[in-house]
Every structure is written in C-alpha cells, then in structure tokens.
Amino acid sequence: MRLRRLEVLQWLGLLLGALVWAAQHVVGYGVTEAQCSPGGAHFGISNDVWQASLMAAALLVILGAEAAALTVFFATRPTSYEAEPPPSRIRFFAIAAIVANAIFFMIVLLNGLGSIISVDCRQS
C-alpha cells in the first residue's frame, strides 16, 4: 500500500507541473485574445487581473507537485548502508520531478509577469 501511494505521488509530482503550465499558457493566451479582439470587447476582461490569478493558481499547484516529489524523494532514501536499495524507478522520477517543477515554476512566473508587464493589444 505504501509503495502504491508513493507511485501516485511520483506521477503527480512529475506530470502536474507540465500540465498546469500548459493550461496557464493556453488560457492566458485566450484571455489576451478576448480582451484585444473586437468581439470580446463587451466582456470587460481585465488582462492583468486574469493573468495574475492564473499565475498564482498555477504556482500554487506547482508548489504542491514539488511537495509531492520531495515526499517521494525523502521516502525512498536508504536509512542505512546495510538496508535494501530504495525503489530506484520511483526515486529517479522523483528527482526528475524536483528539477522539472523548479523549471516550470520559473516558466510560469516569467510567463505571467511578462503578460502583466507588457503592453496589451498592440499591432505587430
């Protein structure tokens, strides 16, 4: 049962950051298009509020994924040199998830801040 729980946490830690980043990016693009297009002008969408909300929600989920990966990492460490080796696949994916979530955290942060700081609705 313990190994099964670690496997679920391992996959959440590994995949959740990428999925949240993709969702934040696509929805953020849609919000910008809705604000800037003539068809979406009557909605009264505030790009900065939406982008900040999307960024904050995505960062919180990525921190949760990082916590799941760290939980798996620490749960699979050997307790002594004479102990059996930890489940290596689970530990490997936990290490990969720790690194990937740190990268996705920065991507989401830069994507969100860039959307808020840049000028909206300008011609190319």
C-alpha atoms as a PDB file:
ATOM      1  CA  MET A   1       0.000   0.000   0.000  1.00  0.00           C
ATOM      2  CA  ARG A   2       2.827   2.401   0.866  1.00  0.00           C
ATOM      3  CA  LEU A   3       4.543   1.756  -2.463  1.00  0.00           C
ATOM      4  CA  ARG A   4       1.297   2.373  -4.357  1.00  0.00           C
ATOM      5  CA  ARG A   5       0.847   5.746  -2.618  1.00  0.00           C
ATOM      6  CA  LEU A   6       4.418   6.706  -3.479  1.00  0.00           C
ATOM      7  CA  GLU A   7       3.803   5.789  -7.127  1.00  0.00           C
ATOM      8  CA  VAL A   8       0.740   8.036  -7.279  1.00  0.00           C
ATOM      9  CA  LEU A   9       2.656  10.901  -5.674  1.00  0.00           C
ATOM     10  CA  GLN A  10       5.531  10.275  -8.074  1.00  0.00           C
ATOM     11  CA  TRP A  11       3.296  10.687 -11.137  1.00  0.00           C
ATOM     12  CA  LEU A  12       1.541  13.724  -9.686  1.00  0.00           C
ATOM     13  CA  GLY A  13       4.891  15.327  -8.963  1.00  0.00           C
ATOM     14  CA  LEU A  14       6.207  14.520 -12.417  1.00  0.00           C
ATOM     15  CA  LEU A  15       3.256  15.472 -14.635  1.00  0.00           C
ATOM     16  CA  LEU A  16       1.297  18.119 -12.762  1.00  0.00           C
ATOM     17  CA  GLY A  17       3.783  20.952 -13.328  1.00  0.00           C
ATOM     18  CA  ALA A  18       3.799  20.488 -17.099  1.00  0.00           C
ATOM     19  CA  LEU A  19       0.018  20.204 -17.327  1.00  0.00           C
ATOM     20  CA  VAL A  20      -0.555  23.306 -15.211  1.00  0.00           C
ATOM     21  CA  TRP A  21       1.961  25.313 -17.205  1.00  0.00           C
ATOM     22  CA  ALA A  22       0.278  24.311 -20.481  1.00  0.00           C
ATOM     23  CA  ALA A  23      -3.160  25.203 -19.120  1.00  0.00           C
ATOM     24  CA  GLN A  24      -1.956  28.557 -17.768  1.00  0.00           C
ATOM     25  CA  HIS A  25      -0.316  29.412 -21.070  1.00  0.00           C
ATOM     26  CA  VAL A  26      -3.313  28.472 -23.241  1.00  0.00           C
ATOM     27  CA  VAL A  27      -5.917  30.124 -21.002  1.00  0.00           C
ATOM     28  CA  GLY A  28      -3.724  33.217 -20.636  1.00  0.00           C
ATOM     29  CA  TYR A  29      -3.445  33.476 -24.417  1.00  0.00           C
ATOM     30  CA  GLY A  30      -7.216  33.158 -24.677  1.00  0.00           C
ATOM     31  CA  VAL A  31      -7.736  35.912 -22.096  1.00  0.00           C
ATOM     32  CA  THR A  32      -5.416  38.233 -24.018  1.00  0.00           C
ATOM     33  CA  GLU A  33      -7.219  37.485 -27.273  1.00  0.00           C
ATOM     34  CA  ALA A  34     -10.609  38.064 -25.641  1.00  0.00           C
ATOM     35  CA  GLN A  35      -9.524  41.442 -24.316  1.00  0.00           C
ATOM     36  CA  CYS A  36      -7.898  42.596 -27.552  1.00  0.00           C
ATOM     37  CA  SER A  37     -10.359  41.333 -30.142  1.00  0.00           C
ATOM     38  CA  PRO A  38     -13.358  43.445 -31.146  1.00  0.00           C
ATOM     39  CA  GLY A  39     -15.667  40.509 -30.434  1.00  0.00           C
ATOM     40  CA  GLY A  40     -14.511  40.234 -26.817  1.00  0.00           C
ATOM     41  CA  ALA A  41     -14.535  43.936 -26.006  1.00  0.00           C
ATOM     42  CA  HIS A  42     -18.004  43.814 -24.473  1.00  0.00           C
ATOM     43  CA  PHE A  43     -16.909  41.252 -21.853  1.00  0.00           C
ATOM     44  CA  GLY A  44     -14.862  43.841 -19.948  1.00  0.00           C
ATOM     45  CA  ILE A  45     -11.987  41.462 -19.296  1.00  0.00           C
ATOM     46  CA  SER A  46      -9.054  42.823 -17.321  1.00  0.00           C
ATOM     47  CA  ASN A  47      -5.972  41.091 -18.653  1.00  0.00           C
ATOM     48  CA  ASP A  48      -3.779  41.915 -15.665  1.00  0.00           C
ATOM     49  CA  VAL A  49      -6.218  40.507 -13.097  1.00  0.00           C
ATOM     50  CA  TRP A  50      -6.760  37.313 -15.068  1.00  0.00           C
ATOM     51  CA  GLN A  51      -3.066  36.802 -15.742  1.00  0.00           C
ATOM     52  CA  ALA A  52      -2.154  37.371 -12.086  1.00  0.00           C
ATOM     53  CA  SER A  53      -4.865  34.960 -10.955  1.00  0.00           C
ATOM     54  CA  LEU A  54      -3.806  32.307 -13.438  1.00  0.00           C
ATOM     55  CA  MET A  55      -0.173  32.731 -12.465  1.00  0.00           C
ATOM     56  CA  ALA A  56      -0.901  32.498  -8.725  1.00  0.00           C
ATOM     57  CA  ALA A  57      -3.078  29.406  -9.122  1.00  0.00           C
ATOM     58  CA  ALA A  58      -0.530  27.691 -11.360  1.00  0.00           C
ATOM     59  CA  LEU A  59       2.326  28.481  -8.979  1.00  0.00           C
ATOM     60  CA  LEU A  60       0.388  27.036  -6.043  1.00  0.00           C
ATOM     61  CA  VAL A  61      -0.307  23.812  -7.924  1.00  0.00           C
ATOM     62  CA  ILE A  62       3.334  23.547  -8.987  1.00  0.00           C
ATOM     63  CA  LEU A  63       4.416  24.002  -5.368  1.00  0.00           C
ATOM     64  CA  GLY A  64       2.066  21.146  -4.470  1.00  0.00           C
ATOM     65  CA  ALA A  65       3.630  18.992  -7.182  1.00  0.00           C
ATOM     66  CA  GLU A  66       7.063  19.885  -5.846  1.00  0.00           C
ATOM     67  CA  ALA A  67       5.951  18.868  -2.355  1.00  0.00           C
ATOM     68  CA  ALA A  68       4.727  15.522  -3.722  1.00  0.00           C
ATOM     69  CA  ALA A  69       8.055  14.943  -5.469  1.00  0.00           C
ATOM     70  CA  LEU A  70      10.015  15.837  -2.344  1.00  0.00           C
ATOM     71  CA  THR A  71       7.842  13.495  -0.268  1.00  0.00           C
ATOM     72  CA  VAL A  72       8.654  10.630  -2.613  1.00  0.00           C
ATOM     73  CA  PHE A  73      12.333  11.564  -2.679  1.00  0.00           C
ATOM     74  CA  PHE A  74      12.664  11.526   1.091  1.00  0.00           C
ATOM     75  CA  ALA A  75      10.511   8.411   1.494  1.00  0.00           C
ATOM     76  CA  THR A  76      12.738   6.403  -0.835  1.00  0.00           C
ATOM     77  CA  ARG A  77      16.114   7.299   0.620  1.00  0.00           C
ATOM     78  CA  PRO A  78      18.061   4.470   2.231  1.00  0.00           C
ATOM     79  CA  THR A  79      18.054   4.563   6.010  1.00  0.00           C
ATOM     80  CA  SER A  80      21.453   2.905   6.412  1.00  0.00           C
ATOM     81  CA  TYR A  81      24.198   1.461   4.287  1.00  0.00           C
ATOM     82  CA  GLU A  82      23.110  -2.102   5.066  1.00  0.00           C
ATOM     83  CA  ALA A  83      19.487  -1.513   4.057  1.00  0.00           C
ATOM     84  CA  GLU A  84      17.921  -2.711   0.843  1.00  0.00           C
ATOM     85  CA  PRO A  85      18.220  -0.235  -2.039  1.00  0.00           C
ATOM     86  CA  PRO A  86      15.226   2.080  -2.471  1.00  0.00           C
ATOM     87  CA  PRO A  87      12.800   1.557  -5.342  1.00  0.00           C
ATOM     88  CA  SER A  88      15.053   3.065  -7.970  1.00  0.00           C
ATOM     89  CA  ARG A  89      12.466   3.936 -10.636  1.00  0.00           C
ATOM     90  CA  ILE A  90      10.309   5.847  -8.178  1.00  0.00           C
ATOM     91  CA  ARG A  91      13.310   7.699  -6.769  1.00  0.00           C
ATOM     92  CA  PHE A  92      14.622   8.537 -10.261  1.00  0.00           C
ATOM     93  CA  PHE A  93      11.282  10.027 -11.313  1.00  0.00           C
ATOM     94  CA  ALA A  94      11.077  11.958  -8.039  1.00  0.00           C
ATOM     95  CA  ILE A  95      14.475  13.529  -8.725  1.00  0.00           C
ATOM     96  CA  ALA A  96      13.393  14.381 -12.276  1.00  0.00           C
ATOM     97  CA  ALA A  97      10.160  15.892 -10.946  1.00  0.00           C
ATOM     98  CA  ILE A  98      12.008  18.066  -8.432  1.00  0.00           C
ATOM     99  CA  VAL A  99      14.134  19.557 -11.191  1.00  0.00           C
ATOM    100  CA  ALA A 100      11.253  19.844 -13.694  1.00  0.00           C
ATOM    101  CA  ASN A 101       8.936  21.556 -11.211  1.00  0.00           C
ATOM    102  CA  ALA A 102      11.600  24.148 -10.403  1.00  0.00           C
ATOM    103  CA  ILE A 103      11.917  24.860 -14.125  1.00  0.00           C
ATOM    104  CA  PHE A 104       8.130  25.006 -14.648  1.00  0.00           C
ATOM    105  CA  PHE A 105       7.821  27.328 -11.640  1.00  0.00           C
ATOM    106  CA  MET A 106      10.180  29.799 -13.298  1.00  0.00           C
ATOM    107  CA  ILE A 107       8.472  29.416 -16.686  1.00  0.00           C
ATOM    108  CA  VAL A 108       5.044  30.159 -15.205  1.00  0.00           C
ATOM    109  CA  LEU A 109       6.416  33.073 -13.191  1.00  0.00           C
ATOM    110  CA  LEU A 110       8.121  34.636 -16.222  1.00  0.00           C
ATOM    111  CA  ASN A 111       5.138  33.944 -18.481  1.00  0.00           C
ATOM    112  CA  GLY A 112       2.702  35.525 -16.041  1.00  0.00           C
ATOM    113  CA  LEU A 113       4.857  38.543 -15.241  1.00  0.00           C
ATOM    114  CA  GLY A 114       5.597  39.087 -18.926  1.00  0.00           C
ATOM    115  CA  SER A 115       1.875  39.054 -19.704  1.00  0.00           C
ATOM    116  CA  ILE A 116       1.148  41.554 -16.962  1.00  0.00           C
ATOM    117  CA  ILE A 117       4.041  43.938 -17.629  1.00  0.00           C
ATOM    118  CA  SER A 118       3.940  44.000 -21.434  1.00  0.00           C
ATOM    119  CA  VAL A 119       1.675  46.267 -23.478  1.00  0.00           C
ATOM    120  CA  ASP A 120      -1.594  44.614 -24.414  1.00  0.00           C
ATOM    121  CA  CYS A 121      -3.372  44.901 -27.727  1.00  0.00           C
ATOM    122  CA  ARG A 122      -0.730  46.440 -29.957  1.00  0.00           C
ATOM    123  CA  GLN A 123      -0.379  45.849 -33.658  1.00  0.00           C
ATOM    124  CA  SER A 124       2.512  43.749 -34.866  1.00  0.00           C
END
